[in-house]
Amino acid sequence: MLRDFNDLGHFYSAPAPQNAGAALAYPPGGVPAGAHVRLSEVVSALSYALDITEGQPQGHAVRTCLIGMRIAEVIGLGPDERSDLFYALLLKDLGCSSNAARLCQLFGADDLSLKRAHKLTDWTDPVASARYAYAHAVPDKGAVAKAWHVAMLGKKEKGSGTEMTRTRCERGAEIAHELGLSAATAGAIRGLDEHWNGLGMPTGLTGSQIPLLGRICSLAQTLEVFAHSHGAEAA
């Protein structure tokens, strides 16, 4: 586990292991009779698939989990809360495939590149959101067509971002519940995109209305994407 946020610099400069994402090391014939497969191992492997669907580099969720669990240690969360947080961090993107087709339709672009850039954009800032839309909408078109497409998005698709975020968060929480994970884990996934100042999505919760585990997940994933894209000091 990372002992300090400064360790992120070493973490991101280290090469990824060749078998990254392989949580289990059983032979091709399958799991030996009587062997015990831990849920955490299965979830860890699943998280690598979720990284792909969210357009993030391999190991994003695992690195987010390292950061989030370090935060939990620093603020003194108890064992049960840490367990709930652990699964929320690894499975925070359970619902991310639910909005893929809609994103492609709206922007006329690859949803993975859209999602990757979105995590580096302050979408509560209208100017930053407009720049994001212009940069990524209909990438095969010229400047005039791009500008027109963005203008139409602003006119006809108001509220679509909230709608897609709600679908993503609710679906993720629902899947977590179906997997038998705790209500706290599901609640953290549901609150992943809420912001302390009330400008988040989908419901605009403010302050401590947002579940603590959801706040930790949001902070941890933000640190991870900026550390990976711009370095630990920038994050």
C-alpha atoms as a PDB file:
ATOM      1  CA  MET A   1       0.000   0.000   0.000  1.00  0.00           C
ATOM      2  CA  LEU A   2       1.184   3.504  -0.712  1.00  0.00           C
ATOM      3  CA  ARG A   3       2.551   5.001   2.494  1.00  0.00           C
ATOM      4  CA  ASP A   4       2.310   8.591   1.298  1.00  0.00           C
ATOM      5  CA  PHE A   5       0.903  10.439  -1.714  1.00  0.00           C
ATOM      6  CA  ASN A   6       4.516  11.251  -2.652  1.00  0.00           C
ATOM      7  CA  ASP A   7       4.933   7.536  -3.327  1.00  0.00           C
ATOM      8  CA  LEU A   8       2.698   8.038  -6.360  1.00  0.00           C
ATOM      9  CA  GLY A   9       5.719   9.337  -8.247  1.00  0.00           C
ATOM     10  CA  HIS A  10       7.530   6.034  -7.731  1.00  0.00           C
ATOM     11  CA  PHE A  11       4.348   4.085  -8.401  1.00  0.00           C
ATOM     12  CA  TYR A  12       3.760   5.704 -11.791  1.00  0.00           C
ATOM     13  CA  SER A  13       7.391   5.446 -12.858  1.00  0.00           C
ATOM     14  CA  ALA A  14       7.519   1.713 -12.137  1.00  0.00           C
ATOM     15  CA  PRO A  15       6.794  -0.654 -15.045  1.00  0.00           C
ATOM     16  CA  ALA A  16       3.542  -2.604 -14.875  1.00  0.00           C
ATOM     17  CA  PRO A  17       3.994  -6.317 -14.097  1.00  0.00           C
ATOM     18  CA  GLN A  18       3.694  -8.588 -17.111  1.00  0.00           C
ATOM     19  CA  ASN A  19       0.784 -10.448 -15.560  1.00  0.00           C
ATOM     20  CA  ALA A  20      -1.071  -7.331 -14.414  1.00  0.00           C
ATOM     21  CA  GLY A  21      -4.733  -8.102 -14.038  1.00  0.00           C
ATOM     22  CA  ALA A  22      -4.262 -11.815 -13.480  1.00  0.00           C
ATOM     23  CA  ALA A  23      -5.727 -12.265 -10.031  1.00  0.00           C
ATOM     24  CA  LEU A  24      -5.642 -16.061 -10.155  1.00  0.00           C
ATOM     25  CA  ALA A  25      -2.815 -18.349 -11.193  1.00  0.00           C
ATOM     26  CA  TYR A  26      -4.536 -21.682 -11.588  1.00  0.00           C
ATOM     27  CA  PRO A  27      -3.562 -24.121 -14.391  1.00  0.00           C
ATOM     28  CA  PRO A  28      -5.475 -24.271 -17.703  1.00  0.00           C
ATOM     29  CA  GLY A  29      -7.533 -27.171 -16.406  1.00  0.00           C
ATOM     30  CA  GLY A  30      -9.319 -24.873 -13.999  1.00  0.00           C
ATOM     31  CA  VAL A  31      -9.498 -24.394 -10.245  1.00  0.00           C
ATOM     32  CA  PRO A  32      -8.192 -27.438  -8.334  1.00  0.00           C
ATOM     33  CA  ALA A  33     -10.774 -29.377  -6.361  1.00  0.00           C
ATOM     34  CA  GLY A  34     -11.168 -27.961  -2.885  1.00  0.00           C
ATOM     35  CA  ALA A  35      -9.393 -24.707  -3.739  1.00  0.00           C
ATOM     36  CA  HIS A  36     -10.848 -21.541  -2.258  1.00  0.00           C
ATOM     37  CA  VAL A  37     -11.264 -18.567  -4.595  1.00  0.00           C
ATOM     38  CA  ARG A  38     -11.437 -15.293  -2.706  1.00  0.00           C
ATOM     39  CA  LEU A  39     -14.043 -12.766  -3.785  1.00  0.00           C
ATOM     40  CA  SER A  40     -11.404 -10.043  -3.661  1.00  0.00           C
ATOM     41  CA  GLU A  41      -9.336 -11.913  -6.273  1.00  0.00           C
ATOM     42  CA  VAL A  42     -12.267 -12.225  -8.649  1.00  0.00           C
ATOM     43  CA  VAL A  43     -13.226  -8.567  -8.144  1.00  0.00           C
ATOM     44  CA  SER A  44      -9.628  -7.465  -8.722  1.00  0.00           C
ATOM     45  CA  ALA A  45      -9.569  -9.286 -12.056  1.00  0.00           C
ATOM     46  CA  LEU A  46     -12.971  -7.856 -12.996  1.00  0.00           C
ATOM     47  CA  SER A  47     -11.729  -4.333 -12.301  1.00  0.00           C
ATOM     48  CA  TYR A  48      -9.303  -4.593 -15.227  1.00  0.00           C
ATOM     49  CA  ALA A  49     -12.197  -5.261 -17.591  1.00  0.00           C
ATOM     50  CA  LEU A  50     -14.001  -2.226 -16.173  1.00  0.00           C
ATOM     51  CA  ASP A  51     -10.900  -0.112 -16.848  1.00  0.00           C
ATOM     52  CA  ILE A  52     -11.220  -0.987 -20.527  1.00  0.00           C
ATOM     53  CA  THR A  53     -14.917  -0.115 -20.744  1.00  0.00           C
ATOM     54  CA  GLU A  54     -14.260   3.213 -19.013  1.00  0.00           C
ATOM     55  CA  GLY A  55     -11.431   4.089 -21.424  1.00  0.00           C
ATOM     56  CA  GLN A  56      -8.817   4.080 -18.682  1.00  0.00           C
ATOM     57  CA  PRO A  57      -5.322   2.529 -18.800  1.00  0.00           C
ATOM     58  CA  GLN A  58      -4.798  -0.915 -17.350  1.00  0.00           C
ATOM     59  CA  GLY A  59      -4.787  -0.933 -13.555  1.00  0.00           C
ATOM     60  CA  HIS A  60      -6.715   2.327 -13.079  1.00  0.00           C
ATOM     61  CA  ALA A  61      -9.167   0.844 -10.571  1.00  0.00           C
ATOM     62  CA  VAL A  62      -6.438  -0.985  -8.645  1.00  0.00           C
ATOM     63  CA  ARG A  63      -4.383   2.206  -8.357  1.00  0.00           C
ATOM     64  CA  THR A  64      -7.523   4.079  -7.308  1.00  0.00           C
ATOM     65  CA  CYS A  65      -8.071   1.400  -4.680  1.00  0.00           C
ATOM     66  CA  LEU A  66      -4.533   1.854  -3.315  1.00  0.00           C
ATOM     67  CA  ILE A  67      -5.070   5.596  -2.967  1.00  0.00           C
ATOM     68  CA  GLY A  68      -8.553   5.236  -1.457  1.00  0.00           C
ATOM     69  CA  MET A  69      -7.484   2.641   1.095  1.00  0.00           C
ATOM     70  CA  ARG A  70      -4.601   4.867   2.154  1.00  0.00           C
ATOM     71  CA  ILE A  71      -7.110   7.688   2.722  1.00  0.00           C
ATOM     72  CA  ALA A  72      -9.215   5.275   4.781  1.00  0.00           C
ATOM     73  CA  GLU A  73      -6.165   4.443   6.891  1.00  0.00           C
ATOM     74  CA  VAL A  74      -5.286   8.096   7.465  1.00  0.00           C
ATOM     75  CA  ILE A  75      -8.790   9.114   8.570  1.00  0.00           C
ATOM     76  CA  GLY A  76      -9.221   5.993  10.712  1.00  0.00           C
ATOM     77  CA  LEU A  77     -12.082   4.097   9.091  1.00  0.00           C
ATOM     78  CA  GLY A  78     -13.055   0.890  10.862  1.00  0.00           C
ATOM     79  CA  PRO A  79     -12.653  -2.624   9.403  1.00  0.00           C
ATOM     80  CA  ASP A  80     -16.226  -2.900   8.102  1.00  0.00           C
ATOM     81  CA  GLU A  81     -16.100   0.498   6.394  1.00  0.00           C
ATOM     82  CA  ARG A  82     -12.733  -0.358   4.863  1.00  0.00           C
ATOM     83  CA  SER A  83     -14.146  -3.578   3.470  1.00  0.00           C
ATOM     84  CA  ASP A  84     -17.129  -1.752   1.955  1.00  0.00           C
ATOM     85  CA  LEU A  85     -14.796   0.899   0.531  1.00  0.00           C
ATOM     86  CA  PHE A  86     -12.416  -1.677  -0.944  1.00  0.00           C
ATOM     87  CA  TYR A  87     -15.127  -3.188  -3.134  1.00  0.00           C
ATOM     88  CA  ALA A  88     -16.551   0.214  -4.055  1.00  0.00           C
ATOM     89  CA  LEU A  89     -13.134   1.416  -5.238  1.00  0.00           C
ATOM     90  CA  LEU A  90     -12.491  -1.635  -7.412  1.00  0.00           C
ATOM     91  CA  LEU A  91     -16.037  -1.755  -8.804  1.00  0.00           C
ATOM     92  CA  LYS A  92     -16.820   1.965  -9.025  1.00  0.00           C
ATOM     93  CA  ASP A  93     -17.306   1.689 -12.799  1.00  0.00           C
ATOM     94  CA  LEU A  94     -19.760  -1.221 -12.777  1.00  0.00           C
ATOM     95  CA  GLY A  95     -22.371   0.827 -14.623  1.00  0.00           C
ATOM     96  CA  CYS A  96     -20.028   2.500 -17.107  1.00  0.00           C
ATOM     97  CA  SER A  97     -21.102   0.471 -20.147  1.00  0.00           C
ATOM     98  CA  SER A  98     -24.716   1.634 -19.746  1.00  0.00           C
ATOM     99  CA  ASN A  99     -24.053   5.022 -21.394  1.00  0.00           C
ATOM    100  CA  ALA A 100     -21.624   3.973 -24.140  1.00  0.00           C
ATOM    101  CA  ALA A 101     -24.114   3.919 -27.026  1.00  0.00           C
ATOM    102  CA  ARG A 102     -25.681   7.206 -25.926  1.00  0.00           C
ATOM    103  CA  LEU A 103     -22.287   8.939 -25.791  1.00  0.00           C
ATOM    104  CA  CYS A 104     -21.409   7.740 -29.293  1.00  0.00           C
ATOM    105  CA  GLN A 105     -24.761   8.988 -30.563  1.00  0.00           C
ATOM    106  CA  LEU A 106     -24.443  12.423 -28.985  1.00  0.00           C
ATOM    107  CA  PHE A 107     -20.868  13.193 -30.000  1.00  0.00           C
ATOM    108  CA  GLY A 108     -20.410  11.065 -33.091  1.00  0.00           C
ATOM    109  CA  ALA A 109     -17.179   9.824 -31.544  1.00  0.00           C
ATOM    110  CA  ASP A 110     -15.601   6.860 -29.771  1.00  0.00           C
ATOM    111  CA  ASP A 111     -17.017   6.581 -26.264  1.00  0.00           C
ATOM    112  CA  LEU A 112     -13.701   5.435 -24.761  1.00  0.00           C
ATOM    113  CA  SER A 113     -11.833   8.584 -25.775  1.00  0.00           C
ATOM    114  CA  LEU A 114     -14.789  10.665 -24.589  1.00  0.00           C
ATOM    115  CA  LYS A 115     -14.759   8.995 -21.169  1.00  0.00           C
ATOM    116  CA  ARG A 116     -10.987   9.272 -20.834  1.00  0.00           C
ATOM    117  CA  ALA A 117     -10.989  13.014 -21.511  1.00  0.00           C
ATOM    118  CA  HIS A 118     -14.110  13.607 -19.418  1.00  0.00           C
ATOM    119  CA  LYS A 119     -12.339  12.548 -16.236  1.00  0.00           C
ATOM    120  CA  LEU A 120      -9.755  15.276 -16.824  1.00  0.00           C
ATOM    121  CA  THR A 121     -12.381  17.971 -17.447  1.00  0.00           C
ATOM    122  CA  ASP A 122     -14.148  20.163 -14.898  1.00  0.00           C
ATOM    123  CA  TRP A 123     -17.618  19.597 -16.333  1.00  0.00           C
ATOM    124  CA  THR A 124     -19.137  21.969 -13.753  1.00  0.00           C
ATOM    125  CA  ASP A 125     -17.397  24.818 -15.623  1.00  0.00           C
ATOM    126  CA  PRO A 126     -19.419  25.796 -18.748  1.00  0.00           C
ATOM    127  CA  VAL A 127     -16.298  27.010 -20.582  1.00  0.00           C
ATOM    128  CA  ALA A 128     -14.368  23.809 -19.868  1.00  0.00           C
ATOM    129  CA  SER A 129     -17.392  21.736 -20.895  1.00  0.00           C
ATOM    130  CA  ALA A 130     -17.717  23.650 -24.171  1.00  0.00           C
ATOM    131  CA  ARG A 131     -14.037  23.144 -24.926  1.00  0.00           C
ATOM    132  CA  TYR A 132     -14.392  19.442 -24.194  1.00  0.00           C
ATOM    133  CA  ALA A 133     -17.402  19.144 -26.501  1.00  0.00           C
ATOM    134  CA  TYR A 134     -15.684  21.017 -29.342  1.00  0.00           C
ATOM    135  CA  ALA A 135     -12.466  19.022 -28.995  1.00  0.00           C
ATOM    136  CA  HIS A 136     -14.174  15.637 -29.122  1.00  0.00           C
ATOM    137  CA  ALA A 137     -17.393  16.008 -31.126  1.00  0.00           C
ATOM    138  CA  VAL A 138     -17.471  14.571 -34.680  1.00  0.00           C
ATOM    139  CA  PRO A 139     -13.664  14.268 -34.877  1.00  0.00           C
ATOM    140  CA  ASP A 140     -13.728  13.498 -38.602  1.00  0.00           C
ATOM    141  CA  LYS A 141     -15.503  16.782 -39.460  1.00  0.00           C
ATOM    142  CA  GLY A 142     -14.207  20.303 -40.070  1.00  0.00           C
ATOM    143  CA  ALA A 143     -14.313  23.295 -37.704  1.00  0.00           C
ATOM    144  CA  VAL A 144     -17.665  24.627 -38.898  1.00  0.00           C
ATOM    145  CA  ALA A 145     -19.368  21.239 -38.637  1.00  0.00           C
ATOM    146  CA  LYS A 146     -17.894  20.701 -35.168  1.00  0.00           C
ATOM    147  CA  ALA A 147     -19.099  24.105 -33.971  1.00  0.00           C
ATOM    148  CA  TRP A 148     -22.584  23.461 -35.345  1.00  0.00           C
ATOM    149  CA  HIS A 149     -22.721  20.037 -33.710  1.00  0.00           C
ATOM    150  CA  VAL A 150     -21.728  21.495 -30.332  1.00  0.00           C
ATOM    151  CA  ALA A 151     -24.322  24.271 -30.679  1.00  0.00           C
ATOM    152  CA  MET A 152     -27.033  21.691 -31.378  1.00  0.00           C
ATOM    153  CA  LEU A 153     -25.930  19.655 -28.375  1.00  0.00           C
ATOM    154  CA  GLY A 154     -26.312  22.709 -26.170  1.00  0.00           C
ATOM    155  CA  LYS A 155     -29.744  23.490 -27.605  1.00  0.00           C
ATOM    156  CA  LYS A 156     -31.334  20.042 -27.856  1.00  0.00           C
ATOM    157  CA  GLU A 157     -29.553  17.893 -25.308  1.00  0.00           C
ATOM    158  CA  LYS A 158     -29.765  19.893 -22.087  1.00  0.00           C
ATOM    159  CA  GLY A 159     -29.932  17.479 -19.167  1.00  0.00           C
ATOM    160  CA  SER A 160     -28.521  14.554 -21.133  1.00  0.00           C
ATOM    161  CA  GLY A 161     -25.354  14.568 -19.016  1.00  0.00           C
ATOM    162  CA  THR A 162     -27.370  14.244 -15.820  1.00  0.00           C
ATOM    163  CA  GLU A 163     -29.494  11.546 -17.399  1.00  0.00           C
ATOM    164  CA  MET A 164     -26.471   9.477 -18.465  1.00  0.00           C
ATOM    165  CA  THR A 165     -24.765   9.929 -15.099  1.00  0.00           C
ATOM    166  CA  ARG A 166     -27.920   8.828 -13.288  1.00  0.00           C
ATOM    167  CA  THR A 167     -28.185   5.733 -15.484  1.00  0.00           C
ATOM    168  CA  ARG A 168     -24.527   4.920 -14.933  1.00  0.00           C
ATOM    169  CA  CYS A 169     -24.587   5.382 -11.162  1.00  0.00           C
ATOM    170  CA  GLU A 170     -27.899   3.644 -10.575  1.00  0.00           C
ATOM    171  CA  ARG A 171     -26.956   0.710 -12.778  1.00  0.00           C
ATOM    172  CA  GLY A 172     -23.614   0.362 -11.027  1.00  0.00           C
ATOM    173  CA  ALA A 173     -25.241   0.395  -7.591  1.00  0.00           C
ATOM    174  CA  GLU A 174     -27.829  -2.111  -8.786  1.00  0.00           C
ATOM    175  CA  ILE A 175     -25.179  -4.537 -10.032  1.00  0.00           C
ATOM    176  CA  ALA A 176     -23.261  -4.192  -6.752  1.00  0.00           C
ATOM    177  CA  HIS A 177     -26.444  -5.127  -4.896  1.00  0.00           C
ATOM    178  CA  GLU A 178     -27.009  -8.106  -7.213  1.00  0.00           C
ATOM    179  CA  LEU A 179     -23.454  -9.280  -6.463  1.00  0.00           C
ATOM    180  CA  GLY A 180     -24.360  -9.386  -2.776  1.00  0.00           C
ATOM    181  CA  LEU A 181     -22.199  -6.429  -1.783  1.00  0.00           C
ATOM    182  CA  SER A 182     -23.226  -4.113   1.041  1.00  0.00           C
ATOM    183  CA  ALA A 183     -25.600  -1.168   0.858  1.00  0.00           C
ATOM    184  CA  ALA A 184     -22.643   1.069   1.766  1.00  0.00           C
ATOM    185  CA  THR A 185     -20.676  -0.181  -1.236  1.00  0.00           C
ATOM    186  CA  ALA A 186     -23.662   0.371  -3.537  1.00  0.00           C
ATOM    187  CA  GLY A 187     -24.201   3.831  -2.043  1.00  0.00           C
ATOM    188  CA  ALA A 188     -20.589   4.801  -2.692  1.00  0.00           C
ATOM    189  CA  ILE A 189     -20.919   3.809  -6.343  1.00  0.00           C
ATOM    190  CA  ARG A 190     -24.196   5.728  -6.623  1.00  0.00           C
ATOM    191  CA  GLY A 191     -22.578   8.878  -5.191  1.00  0.00           C
ATOM    192  CA  LEU A 192     -19.345   8.713  -7.205  1.00  0.00           C
ATOM    193  CA  ASP A 193     -20.060  11.820  -9.320  1.00  0.00           C
ATOM    194  CA  GLU A 194     -21.565  14.036  -6.617  1.00  0.00           C
ATOM    195  CA  HIS A 195     -19.534  17.105  -5.571  1.00  0.00           C
ATOM    196  CA  TRP A 196     -19.178  18.684  -2.139  1.00  0.00           C
ATOM    197  CA  ASN A 197     -20.395  22.041  -3.465  1.00  0.00           C
ATOM    198  CA  GLY A 198     -23.616  20.556  -4.838  1.00  0.00           C
ATOM    199  CA  LEU A 199     -22.666  20.924  -8.505  1.00  0.00           C
ATOM    200  CA  GLY A 200     -22.211  17.200  -9.073  1.00  0.00           C
ATOM    201  CA  MET A 201     -24.532  14.615 -10.596  1.00  0.00           C
ATOM    202  CA  PRO A 202     -27.008  13.096 -10.714  1.00  0.00           C
ATOM    203  CA  THR A 203     -28.896  14.538  -7.725  1.00  0.00           C
ATOM    204  CA  GLY A 204     -26.770  17.519  -6.663  1.00  0.00           C
ATOM    205  CA  LEU A 205     -26.119  16.331  -3.120  1.00  0.00           C
ATOM    206  CA  THR A 206     -24.028  18.698  -1.001  1.00  0.00           C
ATOM    207  CA  GLY A 207     -21.478  18.238   1.763  1.00  0.00           C
ATOM    208  CA  SER A 208     -22.059  15.375   4.131  1.00  0.00           C
ATOM    209  CA  GLN A 209     -25.239  14.404   2.280  1.00  0.00           C
ATOM    210  CA  ILE A 210     -22.832  12.534   0.003  1.00  0.00           C
ATOM    211  CA  PRO A 211     -21.863   9.180   1.543  1.00  0.00           C
ATOM    212  CA  LEU A 212     -18.332   9.324   2.978  1.00  0.00           C
ATOM    213  CA  LEU A 213     -17.235   6.280   0.984  1.00  0.00           C
ATOM    214  CA  GLY A 214     -18.495   7.915  -2.202  1.00  0.00           C
ATOM    215  CA  ARG A 215     -16.454  11.034  -1.430  1.00  0.00           C
ATOM    216  CA  ILE A 216     -13.332   8.933  -0.930  1.00  0.00           C
ATOM    217  CA  CYS A 217     -13.934   7.065  -4.195  1.00  0.00           C
ATOM    218  CA  SER A 218     -14.373  10.326  -6.098  1.00  0.00           C
ATOM    219  CA  LEU A 219     -11.223  11.865  -4.649  1.00  0.00           C
ATOM    220  CA  ALA A 220      -9.157   8.718  -5.173  1.00  0.00           C
ATOM    221  CA  GLN A 221     -10.129   8.285  -8.823  1.00  0.00           C
ATOM    222  CA  THR A 222      -9.486  11.969  -9.534  1.00  0.00           C
ATOM    223  CA  LEU A 223      -6.010  11.764  -8.022  1.00  0.00           C
ATOM    224  CA  GLU A 224      -5.330   8.627 -10.059  1.00  0.00           C
ATOM    225  CA  VAL A 225      -6.326   9.981 -13.467  1.00  0.00           C
ATOM    226  CA  PHE A 226      -4.388  13.228 -12.982  1.00  0.00           C
ATOM    227  CA  ALA A 227      -1.339  11.398 -11.632  1.00  0.00           C
ATOM    228  CA  HIS A 228      -1.365   9.055 -14.613  1.00  0.00           C
ATOM    229  CA  SER A 229      -1.865  11.854 -17.165  1.00  0.00           C
ATOM    230  CA  HIS A 230       0.114  14.738 -15.628  1.00  0.00           C
ATOM    231  CA  GLY A 231       2.280  13.237 -12.868  1.00  0.00           C
ATOM    232  CA  ALA A 232       1.986  12.909  -9.100  1.00  0.00           C
ATOM    233  CA  GLU A 233       2.879  16.534  -8.309  1.00  0.00           C
ATOM    234  CA  ALA A 234       0.141  17.846 -10.607  1.00  0.00           C
ATOM    235  CA  ALA A 235      -2.356  15.433  -9.052  1.00  0.00           C
END
